[in-house]
C-alpha atoms as a PDB file:
ATOM      1  CA  UNK A   1      -4.532 -21.629   8.339  1.00  0.00           C
ATOM      2  CA  UNK A   2      -5.966 -20.688  11.749  1.00  0.00           C
ATOM      3  CA  UNK A   3      -2.954 -22.145  13.563  1.00  0.00           C
ATOM      4  CA  UNK A   4      -0.532 -20.386  11.238  1.00  0.00           C
ATOM      5  CA  UNK A   5      -2.225 -17.022  11.765  1.00  0.00           C
ATOM      6  CA  UNK A   6      -2.289 -17.554  15.515  1.00  0.00           C
ATOM      7  CA  UNK A   7       1.409 -18.427  15.471  1.00  0.00           C
ATOM      8  CA  UNK A   8       2.241 -15.292  13.498  1.00  0.00           C
ATOM      9  CA  UNK A   9       0.293 -13.154  15.942  1.00  0.00           C
ATOM     10  CA  UNK A  10       1.876 -14.859  18.935  1.00  0.00           C
ATOM     11  CA  UNK A  11       5.393 -14.367  17.586  1.00  0.00           C
ATOM     12  CA  UNK A  12       4.774 -10.714  16.744  1.00  0.00           C
ATOM     13  CA  UNK A  13       3.090 -10.090  20.079  1.00  0.00           C
ATOM     14  CA  UNK A  14       5.784 -11.883  22.036  1.00  0.00           C
ATOM     15  CA  UNK A  15       8.506  -9.890  20.323  1.00  0.00           C
ATOM     16  CA  UNK A  16       6.755  -6.584  20.927  1.00  0.00           C
ATOM     17  CA  UNK A  17       6.235  -7.300  24.603  1.00  0.00           C
ATOM     18  CA  UNK A  18       9.946  -6.747  25.070  1.00  0.00           C
ATOM     19  CA  UNK A  19       9.723  -3.228  23.633  1.00  0.00           C
ATOM     20  CA  UNK A  20       8.957  -0.553  26.164  1.00  0.00           C
ATOM     21  CA  UNK A  21       6.113   1.744  25.139  1.00  0.00           C
ATOM     22  CA  UNK A  22       7.010   5.400  25.037  1.00  0.00           C
ATOM     23  CA  UNK A  23      10.662   4.881  24.134  1.00  0.00           C
ATOM     24  CA  UNK A  24      10.347   6.473  20.710  1.00  0.00           C
ATOM     25  CA  UNK A  25      10.625  10.100  19.725  1.00  0.00           C
ATOM     26  CA  UNK A  26       7.379  11.968  19.144  1.00  0.00           C
ATOM     27  CA  UNK A  27       7.457  12.712  15.426  1.00  0.00           C
ATOM     28  CA  UNK A  28       6.182  15.990  13.959  1.00  0.00           C
ATOM     29  CA  UNK A  29       2.612  15.896  12.697  1.00  0.00           C
ATOM     30  CA  UNK A  30       2.712  15.196   8.913  1.00  0.00           C
ATOM     31  CA  UNK A  31       1.122  18.149   7.113  1.00  0.00           C
ATOM     32  CA  UNK A  32      -0.609  15.849   4.609  1.00  0.00           C
ATOM     33  CA  UNK A  33      -2.537  14.205   7.447  1.00  0.00           C
ATOM     34  CA  UNK A  34      -4.561  17.361   8.031  1.00  0.00           C
ATOM     35  CA  UNK A  35      -6.510  16.754   4.811  1.00  0.00           C
ATOM     36  CA  UNK A  36      -7.011  13.084   5.684  1.00  0.00           C
ATOM     37  CA  UNK A  37      -8.415  14.057   9.068  1.00  0.00           C
ATOM     38  CA  UNK A  38     -10.726  16.658   7.558  1.00  0.00           C
ATOM     39  CA  UNK A  39     -12.038  14.176   5.009  1.00  0.00           C
ATOM     40  CA  UNK A  40     -12.399  11.135   7.248  1.00  0.00           C
ATOM     41  CA  UNK A  41     -12.776  11.991  10.942  1.00  0.00           C
ATOM     42  CA  UNK A  42     -16.006  13.773  11.833  1.00  0.00           C
ATOM     43  CA  UNK A  43     -14.896  14.514  15.399  1.00  0.00           C
ATOM     44  CA  UNK A  44     -11.921  16.427  14.001  1.00  0.00           C
ATOM     45  CA  UNK A  45     -14.046  18.336  11.479  1.00  0.00           C
ATOM     46  CA  UNK A  46     -16.274  19.554  14.288  1.00  0.00           C
ATOM     47  CA  UNK A  47     -13.411  20.679  16.520  1.00  0.00           C
ATOM     48  CA  UNK A  48     -12.826  24.427  16.796  1.00  0.00           C
ATOM     49  CA  UNK A  49      -9.804  25.248  14.620  1.00  0.00           C
ATOM     50  CA  UNK A  50      -7.869  26.512  17.630  1.00  0.00           C
ATOM     51  CA  UNK A  51      -8.044  23.022  19.189  1.00  0.00           C
ATOM     52  CA  UNK A  52      -6.963  21.100  16.105  1.00  0.00           C
ATOM     53  CA  UNK A  53      -3.210  21.457  16.801  1.00  0.00           C
ATOM     54  CA  UNK A  54      -3.863  19.866  20.194  1.00  0.00           C
ATOM     55  CA  UNK A  55      -5.535  16.933  18.439  1.00  0.00           C
ATOM     56  CA  UNK A  56      -2.522  16.640  16.097  1.00  0.00           C
ATOM     57  CA  UNK A  57      -0.169  16.533  19.072  1.00  0.00           C
ATOM     58  CA  UNK A  58      -2.238  13.936  20.884  1.00  0.00           C
ATOM     59  CA  UNK A  59      -2.252  11.688  17.806  1.00  0.00           C
ATOM     60  CA  UNK A  60       1.518  11.849  17.520  1.00  0.00           C
ATOM     61  CA  UNK A  61       2.016  11.273  21.242  1.00  0.00           C
ATOM     62  CA  UNK A  62      -0.122   8.129  21.047  1.00  0.00           C
ATOM     63  CA  UNK A  63       1.759   6.855  17.994  1.00  0.00           C
ATOM     64  CA  UNK A  64       5.057   7.348  19.821  1.00  0.00           C
ATOM     65  CA  UNK A  65       3.862   5.175  22.708  1.00  0.00           C
ATOM     66  CA  UNK A  66       2.000   2.350  20.959  1.00  0.00           C
ATOM     67  CA  UNK A  67       3.274   0.086  18.194  1.00  0.00           C
ATOM     68  CA  UNK A  68       0.978  -0.684  15.257  1.00  0.00           C
ATOM     69  CA  UNK A  69       1.741  -3.896  13.380  1.00  0.00           C
ATOM     70  CA  UNK A  70      -0.070  -5.381  10.393  1.00  0.00           C
ATOM     71  CA  UNK A  71      -0.832  -9.080  10.069  1.00  0.00           C
ATOM     72  CA  UNK A  72      -1.177  -9.845   6.354  1.00  0.00           C
ATOM     73  CA  UNK A  73      -1.874  -6.167   5.747  1.00  0.00           C
ATOM     74  CA  UNK A  74       0.311  -3.144   5.029  1.00  0.00           C
ATOM     75  CA  UNK A  75      -0.275  -0.271   7.456  1.00  0.00           C
ATOM     76  CA  UNK A  76      -1.308   2.936   5.691  1.00  0.00           C
ATOM     77  CA  UNK A  77      -1.353   6.519   6.922  1.00  0.00           C
ATOM     78  CA  UNK A  78      -5.141   6.322   7.118  1.00  0.00           C
ATOM     79  CA  UNK A  79      -4.901   3.213   9.313  1.00  0.00           C
ATOM     80  CA  UNK A  80      -2.617   5.091  11.703  1.00  0.00           C
ATOM     81  CA  UNK A  81      -4.950   8.077  11.735  1.00  0.00           C
ATOM     82  CA  UNK A  82      -8.020   5.940  12.427  1.00  0.00           C
ATOM     83  CA  UNK A  83      -6.333   3.952  15.208  1.00  0.00           C
ATOM     84  CA  UNK A  84      -4.829   7.017  16.878  1.00  0.00           C
ATOM     85  CA  UNK A  85      -8.088   8.963  16.522  1.00  0.00           C
ATOM     86  CA  UNK A  86      -9.979   6.060  18.111  1.00  0.00           C
ATOM     87  CA  UNK A  87      -7.616   6.336  21.065  1.00  0.00           C
ATOM     88  CA  UNK A  88      -7.634  10.124  21.383  1.00  0.00           C
ATOM     89  CA  UNK A  89     -11.327  10.935  20.819  1.00  0.00           C
ATOM     90  CA  UNK A  90     -12.685   9.338  24.038  1.00  0.00           C
ATOM     91  CA  UNK A  91     -10.016  10.970  26.236  1.00  0.00           C
ATOM     92  CA  UNK A  92      -9.609  14.311  24.478  1.00  0.00           C
ATOM     93  CA  UNK A  93     -11.145  15.976  27.527  1.00  0.00           C
ATOM     94  CA  UNK A  94      -8.267  14.691  29.677  1.00  0.00           C
ATOM     95  CA  UNK A  95      -5.042  16.521  28.866  1.00  0.00           C
ATOM     96  CA  UNK A  96      -2.569  14.085  30.433  1.00  0.00           C
ATOM     97  CA  UNK A  97      -4.166  10.762  29.507  1.00  0.00           C
ATOM     98  CA  UNK A  98      -1.881   7.812  28.712  1.00  0.00           C
ATOM     99  CA  UNK A  99      -2.924   4.260  27.812  1.00  0.00           C
ATOM    100  CA  UNK A 100      -0.636   2.527  30.279  1.00  0.00           C
ATOM    101  CA  UNK A 101      -2.448  -0.756  29.605  1.00  0.00           C
ATOM    102  CA  UNK A 102      -1.591  -0.866  25.887  1.00  0.00           C
ATOM    103  CA  UNK A 103       1.661  -1.199  23.973  1.00  0.00           C
ATOM    104  CA  UNK A 104       0.668  -2.849  20.682  1.00  0.00           C
ATOM    105  CA  UNK A 105      -2.198  -2.771  18.178  1.00  0.00           C
ATOM    106  CA  UNK A 106      -2.304  -5.647  15.700  1.00  0.00           C
ATOM    107  CA  UNK A 107      -4.266  -4.857  12.545  1.00  0.00           C
ATOM    108  CA  UNK A 108      -5.948  -7.684  10.625  1.00  0.00           C
ATOM    109  CA  UNK A 109      -7.310  -7.151   7.116  1.00  0.00           C
ATOM    110  CA  UNK A 110     -10.814  -8.412   7.950  1.00  0.00           C
ATOM    111  CA  UNK A 111     -13.147  -9.599  10.673  1.00  0.00           C
ATOM    112  CA  UNK A 112     -11.897 -12.643  12.596  1.00  0.00           C
ATOM    113  CA  UNK A 113     -13.252 -15.498  14.697  1.00  0.00           C
ATOM    114  CA  UNK A 114     -12.631 -16.636  18.253  1.00  0.00           C
ATOM    115  CA  UNK A 115      -9.468 -18.434  17.190  1.00  0.00           C
ATOM    116  CA  UNK A 116      -8.104 -15.173  15.697  1.00  0.00           C
ATOM    117  CA  UNK A 117      -8.586 -16.567  12.194  1.00  0.00           C
ATOM    118  CA  UNK A 118      -9.602 -14.132   9.448  1.00  0.00           C
ATOM    119  CA  UNK A 119      -9.484 -16.516   6.466  1.00  0.00           C
ATOM    120  CA  UNK A 120     -11.236 -19.812   5.660  1.00  0.00           C
ATOM    121  CA  UNK A 121     -13.738 -19.380   8.468  1.00  0.00           C
ATOM    122  CA  UNK A 122     -17.504 -18.936   8.404  1.00  0.00           C
ATOM    123  CA  UNK A 123     -17.538 -17.555  11.963  1.00  0.00           C
ATOM    124  CA  UNK A 124     -15.692 -14.295  11.337  1.00  0.00           C
ATOM    125  CA  UNK A 125     -17.781 -11.748  13.242  1.00  0.00           C
ATOM    126  CA  UNK A 126     -15.254 -10.045  15.548  1.00  0.00           C
ATOM    127  CA  UNK A 127     -14.086  -6.573  14.566  1.00  0.00           C
ATOM    128  CA  UNK A 128     -11.938  -5.820  17.591  1.00  0.00           C
ATOM    129  CA  UNK A 129     -10.540  -7.428  20.714  1.00  0.00           C
ATOM    130  CA  UNK A 130      -8.670  -6.240  23.802  1.00  0.00           C
ATOM    131  CA  UNK A 131      -6.166  -8.904  24.727  1.00  0.00           C
ATOM    132  CA  UNK A 132      -5.812 -10.766  28.009  1.00  0.00           C
ATOM    133  CA  UNK A 133      -3.351 -13.344  29.273  1.00  0.00           C
ATOM    134  CA  UNK A 134      -0.482 -13.737  26.811  1.00  0.00           C
ATOM    135  CA  UNK A 135      -2.008 -10.881  24.798  1.00  0.00           C
ATOM    136  CA  UNK A 136      -2.212  -8.499  27.747  1.00  0.00           C
ATOM    137  CA  UNK A 137      -1.563  -4.864  26.758  1.00  0.00           C
ATOM    138  CA  UNK A 138      -2.452  -5.688  23.158  1.00  0.00           C
ATOM    139  CA  UNK A 139      -5.405  -4.937  20.921  1.00  0.00           C
ATOM    140  CA  UNK A 140      -6.469  -6.630  17.696  1.00  0.00           C
ATOM    141  CA  UNK A 141      -8.514  -4.656  15.186  1.00  0.00           C
ATOM    142  CA  UNK A 142     -10.024  -5.543  11.832  1.00  0.00           C
ATOM    143  CA  UNK A 143      -8.993  -3.010   9.195  1.00  0.00           C
ATOM    144  CA  UNK A 144     -12.351  -3.424   7.500  1.00  0.00           C
ATOM    145  CA  UNK A 145     -14.279  -2.782  10.737  1.00  0.00           C
ATOM    146  CA  UNK A 146     -11.990   0.108  11.691  1.00  0.00           C
ATOM    147  CA  UNK A 147     -12.561   1.905   8.383  1.00  0.00           C
ATOM    148  CA  UNK A 148     -16.303   1.242   8.423  1.00  0.00           C
ATOM    149  CA  UNK A 149     -16.569   2.974  11.798  1.00  0.00           C
ATOM    150  CA  UNK A 150     -15.188   6.223  10.375  1.00  0.00           C
ATOM    151  CA  UNK A 151     -16.742   5.976   6.918  1.00  0.00           C
ATOM    152  CA  UNK A 152     -20.311   5.632   8.211  1.00  0.00           C
ATOM    153  CA  UNK A 153     -21.421   8.581  10.347  1.00  0.00           C
ATOM    154  CA  UNK A 154     -25.041   7.474  10.766  1.00  0.00           C
ATOM    155  CA  UNK A 155     -24.978   3.963  12.250  1.00  0.00           C
ATOM    156  CA  UNK A 156     -23.987   4.878  15.849  1.00  0.00           C
ATOM    157  CA  UNK A 157     -21.068   2.418  15.817  1.00  0.00           C
ATOM    158  CA  UNK A 158     -17.298   2.733  15.698  1.00  0.00           C
ATOM    159  CA  UNK A 159     -15.200  -0.373  16.364  1.00  0.00           C
ATOM    160  CA  UNK A 160     -12.002   1.532  17.127  1.00  0.00           C
ATOM    161  CA  UNK A 161     -13.632   3.767  19.725  1.00  0.00           C
ATOM    162  CA  UNK A 162     -15.467   0.754  21.172  1.00  0.00           C
ATOM    163  CA  UNK A 163     -12.225  -1.120  21.868  1.00  0.00           C
ATOM    164  CA  UNK A 164     -10.430   1.881  23.325  1.00  0.00           C
ATOM    165  CA  UNK A 165     -13.379   2.491  25.641  1.00  0.00           C
ATOM    166  CA  UNK A 166     -12.883  -1.075  26.891  1.00  0.00           C
ATOM    167  CA  UNK A 167      -9.274  -0.156  27.669  1.00  0.00           C
ATOM    168  CA  UNK A 168     -10.424   2.962  29.522  1.00  0.00           C
ATOM    169  CA  UNK A 169     -12.900   0.834  31.492  1.00  0.00           C
ATOM    170  CA  UNK A 170     -10.129  -1.675  32.259  1.00  0.00           C
ATOM    171  CA  UNK A 171      -7.754   0.900  33.745  1.00  0.00           C
ATOM    172  CA  UNK A 172      -9.313   0.644  37.223  1.00  0.00           C
ATOM    173  CA  UNK A 173      -8.553  -3.091  37.241  1.00  0.00           C
ATOM    174  CA  UNK A 174     -11.910  -4.444  36.036  1.00  0.00           C
ATOM    175  CA  UNK A 175     -13.666  -4.297  32.660  1.00  0.00           C
ATOM    176  CA  UNK A 176     -17.088  -3.958  34.233  1.00  0.00           C
ATOM    177  CA  UNK A 177     -18.767  -0.979  32.575  1.00  0.00           C
ATOM    178  CA  UNK A 178     -18.061   1.260  35.571  1.00  0.00           C
ATOM    179  CA  UNK A 179     -15.274   3.650  34.503  1.00  0.00           C
ATOM    180  CA  UNK A 180     -13.995   4.706  37.916  1.00  0.00           C
ATOM    181  CA  UNK A 181     -11.145   6.656  36.312  1.00  0.00           C
ATOM    182  CA  UNK A 182     -13.723   8.869  34.570  1.00  0.00           C
ATOM    183  CA  UNK A 183     -16.775   9.086  36.804  1.00  0.00           C
ATOM    184  CA  UNK A 184     -16.830  11.074  40.026  1.00  0.00           C
ATOM    185  CA  UNK A 185     -18.020   8.992  42.978  1.00  0.00           C
ATOM    186  CA  UNK A 186     -21.395  10.710  43.162  1.00  0.00           C
ATOM    187  CA  UNK A 187     -22.188   9.493  39.633  1.00  0.00           C
ATOM    188  CA  UNK A 188     -21.312   5.814  40.112  1.00  0.00           C
ATOM    189  CA  UNK A 189     -24.558   4.597  41.714  1.00  0.00           C
ATOM    190  CA  UNK A 190     -26.835   6.616  39.363  1.00  0.00           C
ATOM    191  CA  UNK A 191     -24.794   5.272  36.430  1.00  0.00           C
ATOM    192  CA  UNK A 192     -25.177   1.649  37.541  1.00  0.00           C
ATOM    193  CA  UNK A 193     -28.919   2.091  38.049  1.00  0.00           C
ATOM    194  CA  UNK A 194     -29.363   3.779  34.669  1.00  0.00           C
ATOM    195  CA  UNK A 195     -27.213   1.151  32.986  1.00  0.00           C
ATOM    196  CA  UNK A 196     -29.289  -1.757  34.331  1.00  0.00           C
ATOM    197  CA  UNK A 197     -32.573  -0.057  33.465  1.00  0.00           C
ATOM    198  CA  UNK A 198     -31.436   0.644  29.896  1.00  0.00           C
ATOM    199  CA  UNK A 199     -30.001  -2.846  29.439  1.00  0.00           C
ATOM    200  CA  UNK A 200     -33.407  -4.214  30.397  1.00  0.00           C
ATOM    201  CA  UNK A 201     -35.011  -1.976  27.756  1.00  0.00           C
ATOM    202  CA  UNK A 202     -32.502  -3.182  25.146  1.00  0.00           C
ATOM    203  CA  UNK A 203     -33.190  -6.828  25.935  1.00  0.00           C
ATOM    204  CA  UNK A 204     -36.940  -6.209  25.781  1.00  0.00           C
ATOM    205  CA  UNK A 205     -36.672  -4.533  22.356  1.00  0.00           C
ATOM    206  CA  UNK A 206     -37.626  -1.141  23.793  1.00  0.00           C
ATOM    207  CA  UNK A 207     -34.506   0.766  22.810  1.00  0.00           C
ATOM    208  CA  UNK A 208     -32.704   1.878  19.654  1.00  0.00           C
ATOM    209  CA  UNK A 209     -29.358   1.066  21.301  1.00  0.00           C
ATOM    210  CA  UNK A 210     -27.942  -1.968  19.540  1.00  0.00           C
ATOM    211  CA  UNK A 211     -28.555  -5.332  21.175  1.00  0.00           C
ATOM    212  CA  UNK A 212     -24.891  -6.024  21.863  1.00  0.00           C
ATOM    213  CA  UNK A 213     -25.153  -3.368  24.562  1.00  0.00           C
ATOM    214  CA  UNK A 214     -27.504  -5.625  26.484  1.00  0.00           C
ATOM    215  CA  UNK A 215     -25.075  -8.536  26.777  1.00  0.00           C
ATOM    216  CA  UNK A 216     -22.960  -7.196  29.661  1.00  0.00           C
ATOM    217  CA  UNK A 217     -22.159  -4.033  31.593  1.00  0.00           C
ATOM    218  CA  UNK A 218     -18.805  -3.708  29.820  1.00  0.00           C
ATOM    219  CA  UNK A 219     -20.379  -3.946  26.372  1.00  0.00           C
ATOM    220  CA  UNK A 220     -23.155  -1.552  27.384  1.00  0.00           C
ATOM    221  CA  UNK A 221     -20.647   1.133  28.335  1.00  0.00           C
ATOM    222  CA  UNK A 222     -18.651   0.679  25.113  1.00  0.00           C
ATOM    223  CA  UNK A 223     -21.754   0.622  22.884  1.00  0.00           C
ATOM    224  CA  UNK A 224     -23.252   3.747  24.472  1.00  0.00           C
ATOM    225  CA  UNK A 225     -19.890   5.513  24.200  1.00  0.00           C
ATOM    226  CA  UNK A 226     -19.852   4.726  20.462  1.00  0.00           C
ATOM    227  CA  UNK A 227     -23.334   6.212  20.192  1.00  0.00           C
ATOM    228  CA  UNK A 228     -22.212   9.308  22.131  1.00  0.00           C
ATOM    229  CA  UNK A 229     -19.264  10.035  19.848  1.00  0.00           C
ATOM    230  CA  UNK A 230     -20.921   9.026  16.576  1.00  0.00           C
ATOM    231  CA  UNK A 231     -24.431  10.509  17.023  1.00  0.00           C
ATOM    232  CA  UNK A 232     -24.349  12.839  20.049  1.00  0.00           C
ATOM    233  CA  UNK A 233     -27.410  14.857  18.982  1.00  0.00           C
ATOM    234  CA  UNK A 234     -29.490  11.716  18.549  1.00  0.00           C
ATOM    235  CA  UNK A 235     -28.362  10.278  21.888  1.00  0.00           C
ATOM    236  CA  UNK A 236     -29.224  13.546  23.637  1.00  0.00           C
ATOM    237  CA  UNK A 237     -32.650  13.555  21.991  1.00  0.00           C
ATOM    238  CA  UNK A 238     -33.561   9.911  22.647  1.00  0.00           C
ATOM    239  CA  UNK A 239     -31.641   9.252  25.865  1.00  0.00           C
ATOM    240  CA  UNK A 240     -31.024  12.541  27.720  1.00  0.00           C
ATOM    241  CA  UNK A 241     -29.986  10.851  30.984  1.00  0.00           C
ATOM    242  CA  UNK A 242     -27.451   8.654  29.206  1.00  0.00           C
ATOM    243  CA  UNK A 243     -26.162  11.653  27.311  1.00  0.00           C
ATOM    244  CA  UNK A 244     -25.566  13.562  30.560  1.00  0.00           C
ATOM    245  CA  UNK A 245     -23.714  10.584  32.006  1.00  0.00           C
ATOM    246  CA  UNK A 246     -21.528  10.301  28.935  1.00  0.00           C
ATOM    247  CA  UNK A 247     -20.757  14.009  29.204  1.00  0.00           C
ATOM    248  CA  UNK A 248     -19.789  13.512  32.848  1.00  0.00           C
ATOM    249  CA  UNK A 249     -17.468  10.685  31.770  1.00  0.00           C
ATOM    250  CA  UNK A 250     -15.830  12.108  28.679  1.00  0.00           C
ATOM    251  CA  UNK A 251     -16.194  15.879  28.956  1.00  0.00           C
ATOM    252  CA  UNK A 252     -15.240  16.753  32.524  1.00  0.00           C
ATOM    253  CA  UNK A 253     -14.364  20.294  31.485  1.00  0.00           C
ATOM    254  CA  UNK A 254     -17.904  20.851  30.191  1.00  0.00           C
END
């Protein structure tokens, strides 16, 4: 089963690599999506109403540039909304942002293992993955993990946002937790110092930031970004320095 699933993914991915991102028309925002956004995306609910049309436009722009394909799952409108929102939320403060390092998102029905197998495996613990090598410019997401990230507003995690933050980190050529496309030069050294100090706290059980953030600089940045977008008030209260750094990264306009 694992080989079959891998083959399906490889064939789909290989085929899509020959499609140029951005060669489709930007479709009008479906009116029925407004209710879905209001009911399911907290970031959207908290946006001033005058900025919501901008969010609509950014969603549709993303969907015109990136292909979403299901592997053993039928793509729903809510899937599209969650994936596009995961992409737009971290970069909403940047008006002209484009994910030039992504052309395809593959959606699995459930968590998967290191062999990209989501059935008949007892090691399925991966909710998202940014591809490398033959899967360059591709992302794999678990539908279950994707939906959980938007359905639970209290757990400080969001798989979709996490993976798109990895892509943002990767845009300077290295997925190293230092987002040079976002941070002004004067913030880089303070960020690295704060990151290492906080990772040490995580690994010594002295932080409420989840342990995965202590495994590497790249994972630290993605985990803290999840926290920032899911529970900003709590992050500001418990980790004011981190909160200010995340604001410098993701809200350059203030």
